[in-house]
C-alpha cells in the first residue's frame, strides 16, 4: 500500500515548469466540465457555431444540441439498455 500512497502524494505535488497550473474543478461531471467550465485561455464560441460535424453527411450539432444529448446521456444509469448512437441519430433533425 505504500506505493499507492507515494503515487497519490506525487500527484498532489505536481509542479509545472511553465508557471501556475489552472485549477481543475473536481465537482463536475464530464459533460459539465466540457460544456460549462470556462478558462481565460479558451475562446468563446459564437452562438450557433458547430461543435461536432459528421464526416459522411456534413450534418453538424451546435452547443445547445450537444449539451442536450450529453446531459441526457449523463442522466442514464450505467446499465441502461438504450443505444446512445441511435438516440443521437434520431435527434439529428432537432
C-alpha atoms as a PDB file:
ATOM      1  CA  UNK A   1       0.000   0.000   0.000  1.00  0.00           C
ATOM      2  CA  UNK A   2       2.988   2.283   0.417  1.00  0.00           C
ATOM      3  CA  UNK A   3       3.430   2.528  -3.369  1.00  0.00           C
ATOM      4  CA  UNK A   4      -0.129   3.797  -3.803  1.00  0.00           C
ATOM      5  CA  UNK A   5       0.300   6.408  -1.071  1.00  0.00           C
ATOM      6  CA  UNK A   6       3.550   7.583  -2.685  1.00  0.00           C
ATOM      7  CA  UNK A   7       1.838   7.843  -6.086  1.00  0.00           C
ATOM      8  CA  UNK A   8      -1.074   9.843  -4.662  1.00  0.00           C
ATOM      9  CA  UNK A   9       1.350  12.090  -2.802  1.00  0.00           C
ATOM     10  CA  UNK A  10       3.355  12.615  -6.008  1.00  0.00           C
ATOM     11  CA  UNK A  11       0.199  13.583  -7.926  1.00  0.00           C
ATOM     12  CA  UNK A  12      -0.634  16.280  -5.379  1.00  0.00           C
ATOM     13  CA  UNK A  13       2.903  17.671  -5.617  1.00  0.00           C
ATOM     14  CA  UNK A  14       2.853  18.201  -9.395  1.00  0.00           C
ATOM     15  CA  UNK A  15       4.543  21.418 -10.464  1.00  0.00           C
ATOM     16  CA  UNK A  16       4.645  22.919 -13.934  1.00  0.00           C
ATOM     17  CA  UNK A  17       7.829  24.371 -15.387  1.00  0.00           C
ATOM     18  CA  UNK A  18       5.623  26.851 -17.279  1.00  0.00           C
ATOM     19  CA  UNK A  19       4.116  28.621 -14.276  1.00  0.00           C
ATOM     20  CA  UNK A  20       0.974  28.176 -12.274  1.00  0.00           C
ATOM     21  CA  UNK A  21      -1.341  25.336 -13.359  1.00  0.00           C
ATOM     22  CA  UNK A  22      -5.017  26.229 -13.906  1.00  0.00           C
ATOM     23  CA  UNK A  23      -7.416  24.952 -11.270  1.00  0.00           C
ATOM     24  CA  UNK A  24      -9.168  21.768 -12.366  1.00  0.00           C
ATOM     25  CA  UNK A  25     -12.693  21.538 -10.944  1.00  0.00           C
ATOM     26  CA  UNK A  26     -13.326  18.215  -9.224  1.00  0.00           C
ATOM     27  CA  UNK A  27     -17.036  18.663  -8.516  1.00  0.00           C
ATOM     28  CA  UNK A  28     -18.303  18.433 -12.111  1.00  0.00           C
ATOM     29  CA  UNK A  29     -19.431  15.570 -14.304  1.00  0.00           C
ATOM     30  CA  UNK A  30     -17.562  15.131 -17.593  1.00  0.00           C
ATOM     31  CA  UNK A  31     -20.325  16.855 -19.631  1.00  0.00           C
ATOM     32  CA  UNK A  32     -20.377  19.746 -17.158  1.00  0.00           C
ATOM     33  CA  UNK A  33     -16.598  20.059 -17.413  1.00  0.00           C
ATOM     34  CA  UNK A  34     -16.633  20.174 -21.223  1.00  0.00           C
ATOM     35  CA  UNK A  35     -19.715  22.351 -21.613  1.00  0.00           C
ATOM     36  CA  UNK A  36     -19.994  24.584 -18.562  1.00  0.00           C
ATOM     37  CA  UNK A  37     -16.490  25.255 -17.325  1.00  0.00           C
ATOM     38  CA  UNK A  38     -14.572  28.190 -18.756  1.00  0.00           C
ATOM     39  CA  UNK A  39     -10.971  29.290 -18.723  1.00  0.00           C
ATOM     40  CA  UNK A  40      -9.488  32.625 -19.887  1.00  0.00           C
ATOM     41  CA  UNK A  41      -7.345  30.830 -22.499  1.00  0.00           C
ATOM     42  CA  UNK A  42     -10.371  29.055 -24.005  1.00  0.00           C
ATOM     43  CA  UNK A  43     -12.028  31.187 -26.694  1.00  0.00           C
ATOM     44  CA  UNK A  44     -15.776  31.776 -26.545  1.00  0.00           C
ATOM     45  CA  UNK A  45     -17.643  30.262 -29.481  1.00  0.00           C
ATOM     46  CA  UNK A  46     -20.274  32.295 -31.312  1.00  0.00           C
ATOM     47  CA  UNK A  47     -23.859  31.089 -30.819  1.00  0.00           C
ATOM     48  CA  UNK A  48     -24.763  28.514 -33.476  1.00  0.00           C
ATOM     49  CA  UNK A  49     -21.189  27.555 -34.335  1.00  0.00           C
ATOM     50  CA  UNK A  50     -20.774  23.805 -34.884  1.00  0.00           C
ATOM     51  CA  UNK A  51     -19.183  21.696 -32.151  1.00  0.00           C
ATOM     52  CA  UNK A  52     -19.467  18.351 -33.958  1.00  0.00           C
ATOM     53  CA  UNK A  53     -19.600  17.721 -37.723  1.00  0.00           C
ATOM     54  CA  UNK A  54     -20.422  14.318 -39.216  1.00  0.00           C
ATOM     55  CA  UNK A  55     -17.786  13.366 -41.829  1.00  0.00           C
ATOM     56  CA  UNK A  56     -20.184  11.494 -44.106  1.00  0.00           C
ATOM     57  CA  UNK A  57     -23.302  13.660 -44.067  1.00  0.00           C
ATOM     58  CA  UNK A  58     -21.858  17.042 -43.141  1.00  0.00           C
ATOM     59  CA  UNK A  59     -24.592  17.456 -40.505  1.00  0.00           C
ATOM     60  CA  UNK A  60     -23.473  19.470 -37.519  1.00  0.00           C
ATOM     61  CA  UNK A  61     -24.514  19.894 -33.899  1.00  0.00           C
ATOM     62  CA  UNK A  62     -24.180  23.200 -32.046  1.00  0.00           C
ATOM     63  CA  UNK A  63     -23.670  23.779 -28.315  1.00  0.00           C
ATOM     64  CA  UNK A  64     -27.369  23.519 -27.452  1.00  0.00           C
ATOM     65  CA  UNK A  65     -27.793  20.200 -29.286  1.00  0.00           C
ATOM     66  CA  UNK A  66     -24.587  18.713 -27.871  1.00  0.00           C
ATOM     67  CA  UNK A  67     -25.449  19.791 -24.329  1.00  0.00           C
ATOM     68  CA  UNK A  68     -28.968  18.297 -24.534  1.00  0.00           C
ATOM     69  CA  UNK A  69     -27.625  14.942 -25.700  1.00  0.00           C
ATOM     70  CA  UNK A  70     -24.714  14.863 -23.228  1.00  0.00           C
ATOM     71  CA  UNK A  71     -26.899  15.758 -20.242  1.00  0.00           C
ATOM     72  CA  UNK A  72     -29.385  13.108 -21.365  1.00  0.00           C
ATOM     73  CA  UNK A  73     -26.562  10.535 -21.574  1.00  0.00           C
ATOM     74  CA  UNK A  74     -25.206  11.665 -18.198  1.00  0.00           C
ATOM     75  CA  UNK A  75     -28.619  11.075 -16.607  1.00  0.00           C
ATOM     76  CA  UNK A  76     -28.816   7.445 -17.750  1.00  0.00           C
ATOM     77  CA  UNK A  77     -27.915   4.668 -15.355  1.00  0.00           C
ATOM     78  CA  UNK A  78     -24.738   2.861 -16.357  1.00  0.00           C
ATOM     79  CA  UNK A  79     -26.764  -0.276 -17.095  1.00  0.00           C
ATOM     80  CA  UNK A  80     -29.219   1.420 -19.458  1.00  0.00           C
ATOM     81  CA  UNK A  81     -30.121  -0.716 -22.485  1.00  0.00           C
ATOM     82  CA  UNK A  82     -30.621   2.389 -24.638  1.00  0.00           C
ATOM     83  CA  UNK A  83     -28.286   2.854 -27.569  1.00  0.00           C
ATOM     84  CA  UNK A  84     -26.812   6.383 -27.363  1.00  0.00           C
ATOM     85  CA  UNK A  85     -25.743   6.367 -31.019  1.00  0.00           C
ATOM     86  CA  UNK A  86     -29.285   5.527 -32.139  1.00  0.00           C
ATOM     87  CA  UNK A  87     -30.533   8.349 -29.905  1.00  0.00           C
ATOM     88  CA  UNK A  88     -28.101  10.815 -31.485  1.00  0.00           C
ATOM     89  CA  UNK A  89     -29.221   9.782 -34.976  1.00  0.00           C
ATOM     90  CA  UNK A  90     -32.889  10.170 -34.048  1.00  0.00           C
ATOM     91  CA  UNK A  91     -32.216  13.693 -32.711  1.00  0.00           C
ATOM     92  CA  UNK A  92     -30.229  14.946 -35.700  1.00  0.00           C
ATOM     93  CA  UNK A  93     -33.298  16.748 -37.025  1.00  0.00           C
ATOM     94  CA  UNK A  94     -33.921  18.512 -33.672  1.00  0.00           C
END
